[in-house]
């Protein structure tokens, strides 16, 4: 079984962290964090983010554009269970280096099961000619587990990089230490 990790909007007292920026302040740099590829050495330096909505800081949350932010402990757990599959650049939240990291999955897999998924694609009438034919939205994402490498514990979906996917065993370990703030959506 595989699960897509998402934030839990029903948890009203959680904080919301804005999109992280790199040391140059580039507001579009976040794309490198959710691309499903290993970061180069310059991107492993400290990122910065601001709290956009005050609330309870959680050991696993999603910042703007679904950038995962994890506590040091959760980051270490994931890195231990998925060796070589994540990077954990530090992130200062509101100037405090309180042990939070960006969780970067360094692998992607082309694994969407279109028959079982429900989605729309960008069309010519949508005003985005560079995206015509690409996935626009998923109302139900389903993956083909036979395509996913057996040793992969965490990854991004190549054709829909906003989806952060974990195995059942990693999800169980996360459930044991992340008590609130995450939804585990079954996708395969």
N, C-alpha and C. Protein backbone atom coordinates (compact mmCIF):
# COMPACT_ATOMS: atom_id res chain seq x y z
N UNK A 1 0.86 -1.18 0.00
CA UNK A 1 0.00 0.00 0.00
C UNK A 1 0.90 1.24 0.00
N UNK A 2 0.46 2.26 -0.71
CA UNK A 2 1.15 3.55 -0.77
C UNK A 2 0.17 4.65 -0.39
N UNK A 3 0.70 5.69 0.23
CA UNK A 3 -0.13 6.80 0.69
C UNK A 3 0.44 8.13 0.22
N UNK A 4 -0.44 9.01 -0.21
CA UNK A 4 -0.07 10.39 -0.47
C UNK A 4 -0.23 11.16 0.84
N UNK A 5 0.82 11.89 1.23
CA UNK A 5 0.75 12.69 2.44
C UNK A 5 0.19 14.06 2.10
N UNK A 6 -0.78 14.51 2.91
CA UNK A 6 -1.37 15.83 2.74
C UNK A 6 -1.63 16.44 4.11
N UNK A 7 -1.73 17.77 4.15
CA UNK A 7 -2.03 18.42 5.42
C UNK A 7 -3.51 18.21 5.75
N UNK A 8 -3.80 18.23 7.04
CA UNK A 8 -5.16 18.02 7.51
C UNK A 8 -5.82 19.37 7.75
N UNK A 9 -6.71 19.82 6.86
CA UNK A 9 -7.34 21.14 7.03
C UNK A 9 -8.32 21.18 8.20
N UNK A 10 -8.70 20.01 8.73
CA UNK A 10 -9.63 19.98 9.86
C UNK A 10 -8.96 20.37 11.17
N UNK A 11 -7.65 20.34 11.21
CA UNK A 11 -6.91 20.72 12.42
C UNK A 11 -6.76 22.24 12.41
N UNK A 12 -7.66 22.92 13.07
CA UNK A 12 -7.76 24.37 12.97
C UNK A 12 -6.69 25.13 13.74
N UNK A 13 -6.06 24.50 14.73
CA UNK A 13 -5.10 25.24 15.54
C UNK A 13 -3.65 25.06 15.08
N UNK A 14 -3.43 24.48 13.89
CA UNK A 14 -2.07 24.32 13.41
C UNK A 14 -1.55 25.60 12.76
N UNK A 15 -0.25 25.77 12.80
CA UNK A 15 0.35 26.92 12.14
C UNK A 15 0.34 26.72 10.64
N UNK A 16 0.50 27.79 9.90
CA UNK A 16 0.72 27.70 8.46
C UNK A 16 1.97 28.48 8.14
N UNK A 17 2.95 27.77 7.60
CA UNK A 17 4.24 28.37 7.27
C UNK A 17 4.21 28.77 5.80
N UNK A 18 4.67 29.98 5.52
CA UNK A 18 4.73 30.45 4.14
C UNK A 18 5.78 29.70 3.34
N UNK A 19 5.78 29.89 2.06
CA UNK A 19 6.70 29.20 1.17
C UNK A 19 8.15 29.56 1.50
N UNK A 20 9.01 28.56 1.70
CA UNK A 20 10.41 28.84 1.99
C UNK A 20 11.12 29.53 0.82
N UNK A 21 12.07 30.40 1.17
CA UNK A 21 12.92 31.06 0.17
C UNK A 21 14.36 30.68 0.46
N UNK A 22 15.19 30.68 -0.58
CA UNK A 22 16.60 30.34 -0.39
C UNK A 22 17.37 31.55 0.13
N UNK A 23 18.67 31.42 0.29
CA UNK A 23 19.47 32.50 0.88
C UNK A 23 19.50 33.76 0.02
N UNK A 24 19.16 33.65 -1.26
CA UNK A 24 19.11 34.84 -2.11
C UNK A 24 17.75 35.54 -2.04
N UNK A 25 16.77 34.90 -1.37
CA UNK A 25 15.43 35.47 -1.27
C UNK A 25 14.55 35.19 -2.48
N UNK A 26 14.97 34.30 -3.35
CA UNK A 26 14.22 33.96 -4.57
C UNK A 26 12.90 33.29 -4.19
N UNK A 27 11.79 33.95 -4.51
CA UNK A 27 10.48 33.41 -4.13
C UNK A 27 10.05 32.22 -4.98
N UNK A 28 10.74 31.94 -6.07
CA UNK A 28 10.41 30.78 -6.90
C UNK A 28 11.36 29.61 -6.66
N UNK A 29 12.31 29.78 -5.76
CA UNK A 29 13.28 28.72 -5.47
C UNK A 29 12.62 27.48 -4.90
N UNK A 30 11.44 27.62 -4.30
CA UNK A 30 10.74 26.47 -3.70
C UNK A 30 10.55 25.33 -4.69
N UNK A 31 10.49 25.64 -5.97
CA UNK A 31 10.26 24.60 -6.98
C UNK A 31 11.31 23.50 -6.89
N UNK A 32 12.54 23.89 -6.53
CA UNK A 32 13.60 22.90 -6.40
C UNK A 32 13.34 21.95 -5.23
N UNK A 33 12.53 22.39 -4.26
CA UNK A 33 12.25 21.59 -3.07
C UNK A 33 11.20 20.52 -3.33
N UNK A 34 10.37 20.70 -4.33
CA UNK A 34 9.28 19.76 -4.62
C UNK A 34 9.42 19.09 -5.98
N UNK A 35 10.60 19.20 -6.56
CA UNK A 35 10.84 18.67 -7.90
C UNK A 35 11.13 17.18 -7.92
N UNK A 36 11.42 16.59 -6.77
CA UNK A 36 11.72 15.17 -6.73
C UNK A 36 13.12 14.84 -7.19
N UNK A 37 14.02 15.80 -7.06
CA UNK A 37 15.42 15.59 -7.44
C UNK A 37 16.31 16.05 -6.30
N UNK A 38 17.51 15.46 -6.24
CA UNK A 38 18.47 15.86 -5.22
C UNK A 38 18.89 17.31 -5.43
N UNK A 39 19.04 18.02 -4.32
CA UNK A 39 19.48 19.41 -4.36
C UNK A 39 20.99 19.45 -4.52
N UNK A 40 21.47 20.53 -5.15
CA UNK A 40 22.92 20.69 -5.19
C UNK A 40 23.40 21.30 -3.87
N UNK A 41 24.69 21.36 -3.68
CA UNK A 41 25.28 21.77 -2.41
C UNK A 41 24.80 23.14 -1.96
N UNK A 42 24.63 24.08 -2.88
CA UNK A 42 24.22 25.44 -2.50
C UNK A 42 22.80 25.46 -1.93
N UNK A 43 21.96 24.51 -2.32
CA UNK A 43 20.59 24.46 -1.82
C UNK A 43 20.47 23.75 -0.48
N UNK A 44 21.56 23.20 0.02
CA UNK A 44 21.52 22.52 1.31
C UNK A 44 21.77 23.49 2.46
N UNK A 45 21.98 24.76 2.11
CA UNK A 45 22.12 25.79 3.15
C UNK A 45 20.74 26.10 3.73
N UNK A 46 20.72 26.94 4.75
CA UNK A 46 19.48 27.26 5.45
C UNK A 46 18.51 28.04 4.57
N UNK A 47 17.27 27.57 4.57
CA UNK A 47 16.17 28.25 3.91
C UNK A 47 15.45 29.09 4.97
N UNK A 48 14.62 30.03 4.52
CA UNK A 48 13.87 30.87 5.46
C UNK A 48 12.39 30.83 5.10
N UNK A 49 11.56 30.90 6.15
CA UNK A 49 10.11 30.94 5.95
C UNK A 49 9.48 31.74 7.07
N UNK A 50 8.35 32.32 6.79
CA UNK A 50 7.60 33.11 7.77
C UNK A 50 6.32 32.37 8.13
N UNK A 51 5.90 32.55 9.37
CA UNK A 51 4.61 31.99 9.78
C UNK A 51 3.52 32.89 9.23
N UNK A 52 2.65 32.34 8.42
CA UNK A 52 1.55 33.10 7.82
C UNK A 52 0.30 33.06 8.68
N UNK A 53 0.15 31.97 9.46
CA UNK A 53 -0.98 31.85 10.39
C UNK A 53 -0.43 31.24 11.66
N UNK A 54 -0.58 31.97 12.75
CA UNK A 54 -0.11 31.47 14.05
C UNK A 54 -0.89 30.23 14.45
N UNK A 55 -0.23 29.37 15.17
CA UNK A 55 -0.86 28.16 15.66
C UNK A 55 0.18 27.20 16.17
N UNK A 56 -0.28 26.00 16.41
CA UNK A 56 0.59 24.95 16.95
C UNK A 56 1.58 24.50 15.88
N UNK A 57 2.89 24.56 16.22
CA UNK A 57 3.87 24.02 15.29
C UNK A 57 3.86 22.50 15.40
N UNK A 58 3.84 21.87 14.26
CA UNK A 58 3.69 20.42 14.20
C UNK A 58 4.99 19.78 13.75
N UNK A 59 5.21 18.52 14.10
CA UNK A 59 6.43 17.85 13.68
C UNK A 59 6.48 17.55 12.17
N UNK A 60 5.31 17.60 11.51
CA UNK A 60 5.24 17.44 10.06
C UNK A 60 4.10 18.33 9.58
N UNK A 61 4.44 19.32 8.77
CA UNK A 61 3.41 20.20 8.21
C UNK A 61 3.81 20.56 6.78
N UNK A 62 2.91 21.21 6.10
CA UNK A 62 3.19 21.64 4.74
C UNK A 62 3.15 23.15 4.68
N UNK A 63 4.22 23.73 4.12
CA UNK A 63 4.29 25.17 3.91
C UNK A 63 3.59 25.49 2.58
N UNK A 64 3.69 26.73 2.15
CA UNK A 64 3.12 27.12 0.87
C UNK A 64 3.62 26.23 -0.26
N UNK A 65 2.77 26.01 -1.24
CA UNK A 65 3.06 25.16 -2.40
C UNK A 65 3.43 23.73 -1.98
N UNK A 66 2.84 23.29 -0.86
CA UNK A 66 3.00 21.92 -0.37
C UNK A 66 4.45 21.51 -0.13
N UNK A 67 5.27 22.45 0.32
CA UNK A 67 6.64 22.14 0.71
C UNK A 67 6.60 21.53 2.11
N UNK A 68 7.05 20.28 2.28
CA UNK A 68 7.00 19.65 3.60
C UNK A 68 8.05 20.23 4.54
N UNK A 69 7.60 20.56 5.76
CA UNK A 69 8.48 21.04 6.83
C UNK A 69 8.38 20.02 7.97
N UNK A 70 9.52 19.52 8.43
CA UNK A 70 9.53 18.50 9.47
C UNK A 70 10.45 18.91 10.61
N UNK A 71 10.13 18.38 11.79
CA UNK A 71 11.02 18.58 12.93
C UNK A 71 12.29 17.76 12.70
N UNK A 72 13.31 18.09 13.48
CA UNK A 72 14.57 17.36 13.38
C UNK A 72 14.35 15.87 13.61
N UNK A 73 13.54 15.53 14.62
CA UNK A 73 13.30 14.13 14.96
C UNK A 73 12.59 13.38 13.83
N UNK A 74 11.57 13.99 13.24
CA UNK A 74 10.85 13.34 12.15
C UNK A 74 11.75 13.21 10.93
N UNK A 75 12.55 14.24 10.66
CA UNK A 75 13.49 14.17 9.54
C UNK A 75 14.48 13.03 9.71
N UNK A 76 15.01 12.87 10.92
CA UNK A 76 15.95 11.77 11.19
C UNK A 76 15.27 10.42 11.01
N UNK A 77 14.03 10.29 11.47
CA UNK A 77 13.29 9.04 11.31
C UNK A 77 13.13 8.69 9.84
N UNK A 78 12.68 9.64 9.04
CA UNK A 78 12.47 9.38 7.61
C UNK A 78 13.79 9.05 6.93
N UNK A 79 14.84 9.80 7.23
CA UNK A 79 16.15 9.54 6.63
C UNK A 79 16.66 8.15 6.99
N UNK A 80 16.39 7.69 8.21
CA UNK A 80 16.84 6.36 8.63
C UNK A 80 16.05 5.25 7.93
N UNK A 81 14.76 5.48 7.71
CA UNK A 81 13.91 4.47 7.07
C UNK A 81 13.98 4.50 5.55
N UNK A 82 14.44 5.61 5.00
CA UNK A 82 14.54 5.77 3.55
C UNK A 82 15.93 6.31 3.20
N UNK A 83 16.98 5.54 3.48
CA UNK A 83 18.33 6.04 3.26
C UNK A 83 18.59 6.42 1.80
N UNK A 84 19.16 7.62 1.63
CA UNK A 84 19.49 8.11 0.30
C UNK A 84 18.31 8.62 -0.50
N UNK A 85 17.11 8.65 0.10
CA UNK A 85 15.91 9.04 -0.64
C UNK A 85 15.39 10.42 -0.25
N UNK A 86 16.00 11.04 0.74
CA UNK A 86 15.59 12.38 1.16
C UNK A 86 16.81 13.24 1.48
N UNK A 87 16.60 14.54 1.41
CA UNK A 87 17.56 15.53 1.90
C UNK A 87 16.81 16.41 2.88
N UNK A 88 17.52 16.97 3.85
CA UNK A 88 16.89 17.74 4.92
C UNK A 88 17.60 19.07 5.14
N UNK A 89 17.52 20.00 4.18
CA UNK A 89 18.13 21.30 4.43
C UNK A 89 17.41 22.01 5.58
N UNK A 90 18.15 22.70 6.44
CA UNK A 90 17.52 23.39 7.55
C UNK A 90 16.66 24.56 7.07
N UNK A 91 15.64 24.88 7.86
CA UNK A 91 14.80 26.04 7.56
C UNK A 91 14.60 26.83 8.85
N UNK A 92 14.85 28.13 8.76
CA UNK A 92 14.55 29.03 9.86
C UNK A 92 13.13 29.52 9.68
N UNK A 93 12.29 29.29 10.67
CA UNK A 93 10.91 29.74 10.61
C UNK A 93 10.81 30.99 11.49
N UNK A 94 10.47 32.11 10.86
CA UNK A 94 10.42 33.41 11.56
C UNK A 94 11.74 33.72 12.27
N UNK A 95 12.84 33.36 11.62
CA UNK A 95 14.16 33.68 12.15
C UNK A 95 14.63 32.75 13.26
N UNK A 96 13.82 31.79 13.65
CA UNK A 96 14.21 30.87 14.71
C UNK A 96 14.70 29.57 14.08
N UNK A 97 15.90 29.18 14.44
CA UNK A 97 16.38 27.89 13.96
C UNK A 97 16.09 26.86 15.05
N UNK A 98 14.82 26.50 15.16
CA UNK A 98 14.34 25.63 16.24
C UNK A 98 14.30 24.17 15.83
N UNK A 99 15.18 23.77 14.93
CA UNK A 99 15.24 22.36 14.58
C UNK A 99 14.27 21.90 13.52
N UNK A 100 13.90 22.77 12.59
CA UNK A 100 13.02 22.36 11.50
C UNK A 100 13.81 22.23 10.21
N UNK A 101 13.32 21.35 9.34
CA UNK A 101 13.98 21.09 8.06
C UNK A 101 12.93 21.02 6.96
N UNK A 102 13.36 21.32 5.76
CA UNK A 102 12.56 21.04 4.58
C UNK A 102 12.80 19.57 4.26
N UNK A 103 11.74 18.83 3.98
CA UNK A 103 11.86 17.43 3.58
C UNK A 103 11.83 17.37 2.06
N UNK A 104 12.95 16.98 1.47
CA UNK A 104 13.06 16.91 0.01
C UNK A 104 13.17 15.45 -0.39
N UNK A 105 12.16 14.95 -1.08
CA UNK A 105 12.22 13.60 -1.66
C UNK A 105 13.06 13.69 -2.92
N UNK A 106 14.05 12.83 -3.06
CA UNK A 106 15.01 12.94 -4.16
C UNK A 106 14.73 12.00 -5.32
N UNK A 107 13.60 11.30 -5.27
CA UNK A 107 13.27 10.34 -6.33
C UNK A 107 11.89 10.65 -6.90
N UNK A 108 11.73 10.38 -8.19
CA UNK A 108 10.42 10.46 -8.83
C UNK A 108 10.15 9.13 -9.54
N UNK A 109 8.87 8.80 -9.66
CA UNK A 109 8.47 7.58 -10.36
C UNK A 109 7.30 7.92 -11.28
N UNK A 110 7.38 7.46 -12.52
CA UNK A 110 6.27 7.58 -13.46
C UNK A 110 5.34 6.40 -13.18
N UNK A 111 4.22 6.65 -12.47
CA UNK A 111 3.44 5.51 -11.99
C UNK A 111 1.93 5.78 -11.91
N UNK A 112 1.43 6.81 -12.53
CA UNK A 112 0.00 7.10 -12.46
C UNK A 112 -0.79 6.02 -13.21
N UNK A 113 -1.82 5.53 -12.55
CA UNK A 113 -2.75 4.58 -13.15
C UNK A 113 -3.95 5.40 -13.64
N UNK A 114 -3.93 5.75 -14.91
CA UNK A 114 -4.98 6.62 -15.45
C UNK A 114 -6.35 5.96 -15.45
N UNK A 115 -6.41 4.66 -15.55
CA UNK A 115 -7.71 3.97 -15.58
C UNK A 115 -8.43 4.15 -14.25
N UNK A 116 -7.72 4.08 -13.15
CA UNK A 116 -8.34 4.18 -11.82
C UNK A 116 -8.33 5.60 -11.26
N UNK A 117 -7.61 6.51 -11.90
CA UNK A 117 -7.55 7.90 -11.43
C UNK A 117 -8.66 8.72 -12.06
N UNK A 118 -8.98 9.83 -11.41
CA UNK A 118 -9.90 10.81 -11.99
C UNK A 118 -9.15 12.13 -12.06
N UNK A 119 -9.12 12.72 -13.25
CA UNK A 119 -8.29 13.91 -13.46
C UNK A 119 -8.82 14.71 -14.64
N UNK A 120 -8.31 15.91 -14.75
CA UNK A 120 -8.54 16.74 -15.93
C UNK A 120 -7.17 17.13 -16.47
N UNK A 121 -7.15 17.48 -17.74
CA UNK A 121 -5.92 17.94 -18.39
C UNK A 121 -6.11 19.39 -18.84
N UNK A 122 -5.00 20.08 -18.99
CA UNK A 122 -5.04 21.43 -19.54
C UNK A 122 -5.44 21.33 -21.01
N UNK A 123 -6.37 22.20 -21.43
CA UNK A 123 -6.81 22.22 -22.81
C UNK A 123 -6.38 23.51 -23.51
N UNK A 124 -6.59 23.56 -24.79
CA UNK A 124 -6.21 24.73 -25.58
C UNK A 124 -6.98 25.97 -25.14
N UNK A 125 -8.20 25.79 -24.66
CA UNK A 125 -9.06 26.92 -24.25
C UNK A 125 -8.70 27.46 -22.86
N UNK A 126 -7.77 26.84 -22.14
CA UNK A 126 -7.45 27.25 -20.78
C UNK A 126 -6.45 28.41 -20.69
N UNK A 127 -5.94 28.86 -21.82
CA UNK A 127 -5.04 30.02 -21.80
C UNK A 127 -3.62 29.71 -21.34
N UNK A 128 -3.23 28.46 -21.30
CA UNK A 128 -1.87 28.06 -20.91
C UNK A 128 -1.33 27.13 -21.99
N UNK A 129 -0.97 27.66 -23.15
CA UNK A 129 -0.55 26.81 -24.27
C UNK A 129 0.64 25.91 -23.95
N UNK A 130 1.49 26.33 -23.03
CA UNK A 130 2.64 25.52 -22.67
C UNK A 130 2.27 24.29 -21.83
N UNK A 131 1.02 24.23 -21.34
CA UNK A 131 0.59 23.12 -20.49
C UNK A 131 -0.43 22.20 -21.16
N UNK A 132 -0.84 22.50 -22.37
CA UNK A 132 -1.87 21.71 -23.05
C UNK A 132 -1.48 20.23 -23.04
N UNK A 133 -2.41 19.41 -22.57
CA UNK A 133 -2.20 17.97 -22.51
C UNK A 133 -1.66 17.48 -21.18
N UNK A 134 -1.10 18.37 -20.36
CA UNK A 134 -0.58 17.96 -19.05
C UNK A 134 -1.74 17.84 -18.05
N UNK A 135 -1.49 17.11 -16.97
CA UNK A 135 -2.49 17.00 -15.91
C UNK A 135 -2.74 18.37 -15.31
N UNK A 136 -4.01 18.70 -15.12
CA UNK A 136 -4.37 19.97 -14.49
C UNK A 136 -4.80 19.77 -13.03
N UNK A 137 -5.56 18.71 -12.78
CA UNK A 137 -6.08 18.48 -11.45
C UNK A 137 -6.44 17.00 -11.31
N UNK A 138 -6.24 16.48 -10.10
CA UNK A 138 -6.67 15.13 -9.77
C UNK A 138 -7.74 15.21 -8.70
N UNK A 139 -8.87 14.58 -8.94
CA UNK A 139 -9.87 14.43 -7.89
C UNK A 139 -9.72 13.05 -7.24
N UNK A 140 -9.04 12.14 -7.93
CA UNK A 140 -8.65 10.86 -7.35
C UNK A 140 -7.36 10.42 -8.03
N UNK A 141 -6.30 10.35 -7.25
CA UNK A 141 -5.00 9.91 -7.75
C UNK A 141 -4.80 8.45 -7.36
N UNK A 142 -4.52 7.62 -8.35
CA UNK A 142 -4.22 6.22 -8.12
C UNK A 142 -2.93 5.88 -8.86
N UNK A 143 -2.09 5.10 -8.19
CA UNK A 143 -0.80 4.72 -8.75
C UNK A 143 -0.78 3.23 -9.06
N UNK A 144 0.10 2.85 -9.98
CA UNK A 144 0.30 1.45 -10.32
C UNK A 144 1.46 0.93 -9.48
N UNK A 145 1.19 0.15 -8.43
CA UNK A 145 2.25 -0.28 -7.53
C UNK A 145 3.27 -1.22 -8.18
N UNK A 146 2.92 -1.84 -9.31
CA UNK A 146 3.85 -2.75 -9.96
C UNK A 146 5.02 -2.01 -10.61
N UNK A 147 4.88 -0.71 -10.81
CA UNK A 147 5.92 0.10 -11.45
C UNK A 147 6.88 0.70 -10.42
N UNK A 148 6.45 0.79 -9.19
CA UNK A 148 7.23 1.46 -8.15
C UNK A 148 8.33 0.52 -7.66
N UNK A 149 9.59 0.98 -7.68
CA UNK A 149 10.70 0.13 -7.19
C UNK A 149 10.46 -0.33 -5.76
N UNK A 150 10.74 -1.58 -5.49
CA UNK A 150 10.45 -2.20 -4.19
C UNK A 150 11.19 -1.55 -3.03
N UNK A 151 12.37 -0.98 -3.27
CA UNK A 151 13.16 -0.40 -2.18
C UNK A 151 12.84 1.07 -1.92
N UNK A 152 11.95 1.64 -2.70
CA UNK A 152 11.62 3.07 -2.55
C UNK A 152 10.59 3.25 -1.45
N UNK A 153 10.92 4.08 -0.46
CA UNK A 153 10.06 4.34 0.68
C UNK A 153 9.30 5.66 0.57
N UNK A 154 9.89 6.64 -0.15
CA UNK A 154 9.30 7.97 -0.28
C UNK A 154 9.70 8.53 -1.63
N UNK A 155 8.74 9.16 -2.32
CA UNK A 155 9.04 9.69 -3.65
C UNK A 155 7.97 10.68 -4.08
N UNK A 156 8.26 11.37 -5.16
CA UNK A 156 7.29 12.23 -5.82
C UNK A 156 6.83 11.53 -7.10
N UNK A 157 5.60 11.80 -7.50
CA UNK A 157 5.06 11.23 -8.73
C UNK A 157 5.55 12.10 -9.88
N UNK A 158 6.24 11.50 -10.83
CA UNK A 158 6.89 12.25 -11.90
C UNK A 158 5.92 13.17 -12.64
N UNK A 159 4.75 12.68 -12.97
CA UNK A 159 3.81 13.47 -13.76
C UNK A 159 2.97 14.42 -12.91
N UNK A 160 3.05 14.31 -11.59
CA UNK A 160 2.26 15.15 -10.67
C UNK A 160 3.10 15.36 -9.41
N UNK A 161 4.12 16.19 -9.53
CA UNK A 161 5.14 16.30 -8.49
C UNK A 161 4.64 16.85 -7.17
N UNK A 162 3.44 17.38 -7.16
CA UNK A 162 2.87 17.83 -5.90
C UNK A 162 2.51 16.68 -4.97
N UNK A 163 2.47 15.48 -5.51
CA UNK A 163 2.12 14.30 -4.71
C UNK A 163 3.37 13.73 -4.06
N UNK A 164 3.41 13.78 -2.72
CA UNK A 164 4.47 13.16 -1.93
C UNK A 164 3.93 11.84 -1.43
N UNK A 165 4.56 10.74 -1.82
CA UNK A 165 4.05 9.40 -1.57
C UNK A 165 5.01 8.62 -0.69
N UNK A 166 4.44 7.86 0.25
CA UNK A 166 5.24 6.99 1.13
C UNK A 166 4.65 5.59 1.14
N UNK A 167 5.48 4.64 1.53
CA UNK A 167 5.03 3.26 1.67
C UNK A 167 4.20 3.11 2.94
N UNK A 168 3.53 1.98 3.04
CA UNK A 168 2.74 1.69 4.23
C UNK A 168 3.61 1.64 5.48
N UNK A 169 4.79 1.04 5.38
CA UNK A 169 5.66 0.94 6.55
C UNK A 169 6.15 2.31 7.01
N UNK A 170 6.47 3.20 6.09
CA UNK A 170 6.88 4.55 6.47
C UNK A 170 5.68 5.32 7.04
N UNK A 171 4.51 5.13 6.46
CA UNK A 171 3.31 5.78 6.99
C UNK A 171 3.04 5.33 8.42
N UNK A 172 3.19 4.05 8.71
CA UNK A 172 2.98 3.54 10.07
C UNK A 172 3.97 4.17 11.05
N UNK A 173 5.21 4.30 10.65
CA UNK A 173 6.22 4.93 11.51
C UNK A 173 5.88 6.40 11.75
N UNK A 174 5.41 7.07 10.73
CA UNK A 174 5.01 8.48 10.89
C UNK A 174 3.80 8.60 11.81
N UNK A 175 2.83 7.73 11.65
CA UNK A 175 1.64 7.78 12.52
C UNK A 175 2.02 7.65 14.00
N UNK A 176 3.07 6.90 14.27
CA UNK A 176 3.50 6.68 15.65
C UNK A 176 4.09 7.94 16.28
N UNK A 177 4.66 8.83 15.47
CA UNK A 177 5.30 10.02 16.06
C UNK A 177 4.66 11.34 15.62
N UNK A 178 3.84 11.34 14.60
CA UNK A 178 3.13 12.55 14.16
C UNK A 178 1.66 12.31 14.47
N UNK A 179 1.21 12.84 15.58
CA UNK A 179 -0.14 12.53 16.08
C UNK A 179 -1.24 13.36 15.43
N UNK A 180 -0.89 14.48 14.78
CA UNK A 180 -1.92 15.35 14.19
C UNK A 180 -1.32 16.10 13.01
N UNK A 181 -2.20 16.49 12.10
CA UNK A 181 -1.81 17.36 11.00
C UNK A 181 -1.60 16.71 9.66
N UNK A 182 -1.59 15.38 9.61
CA UNK A 182 -1.38 14.69 8.34
C UNK A 182 -2.57 13.82 7.97
N UNK A 183 -2.86 13.80 6.68
CA UNK A 183 -3.82 12.86 6.11
C UNK A 183 -3.02 11.89 5.25
N UNK A 184 -3.33 10.62 5.40
CA UNK A 184 -2.68 9.56 4.62
C UNK A 184 -3.70 9.06 3.62
N UNK A 185 -3.64 9.57 2.40
CA UNK A 185 -4.61 9.18 1.36
C UNK A 185 -4.09 7.95 0.62
N UNK A 186 -4.82 6.84 0.67
CA UNK A 186 -4.37 5.64 -0.07
C UNK A 186 -4.38 5.93 -1.58
N UNK A 187 -3.27 5.60 -2.24
CA UNK A 187 -3.19 5.84 -3.69
C UNK A 187 -2.82 4.57 -4.46
N UNK A 188 -2.43 3.52 -3.76
CA UNK A 188 -2.11 2.25 -4.44
C UNK A 188 -2.14 1.12 -3.43
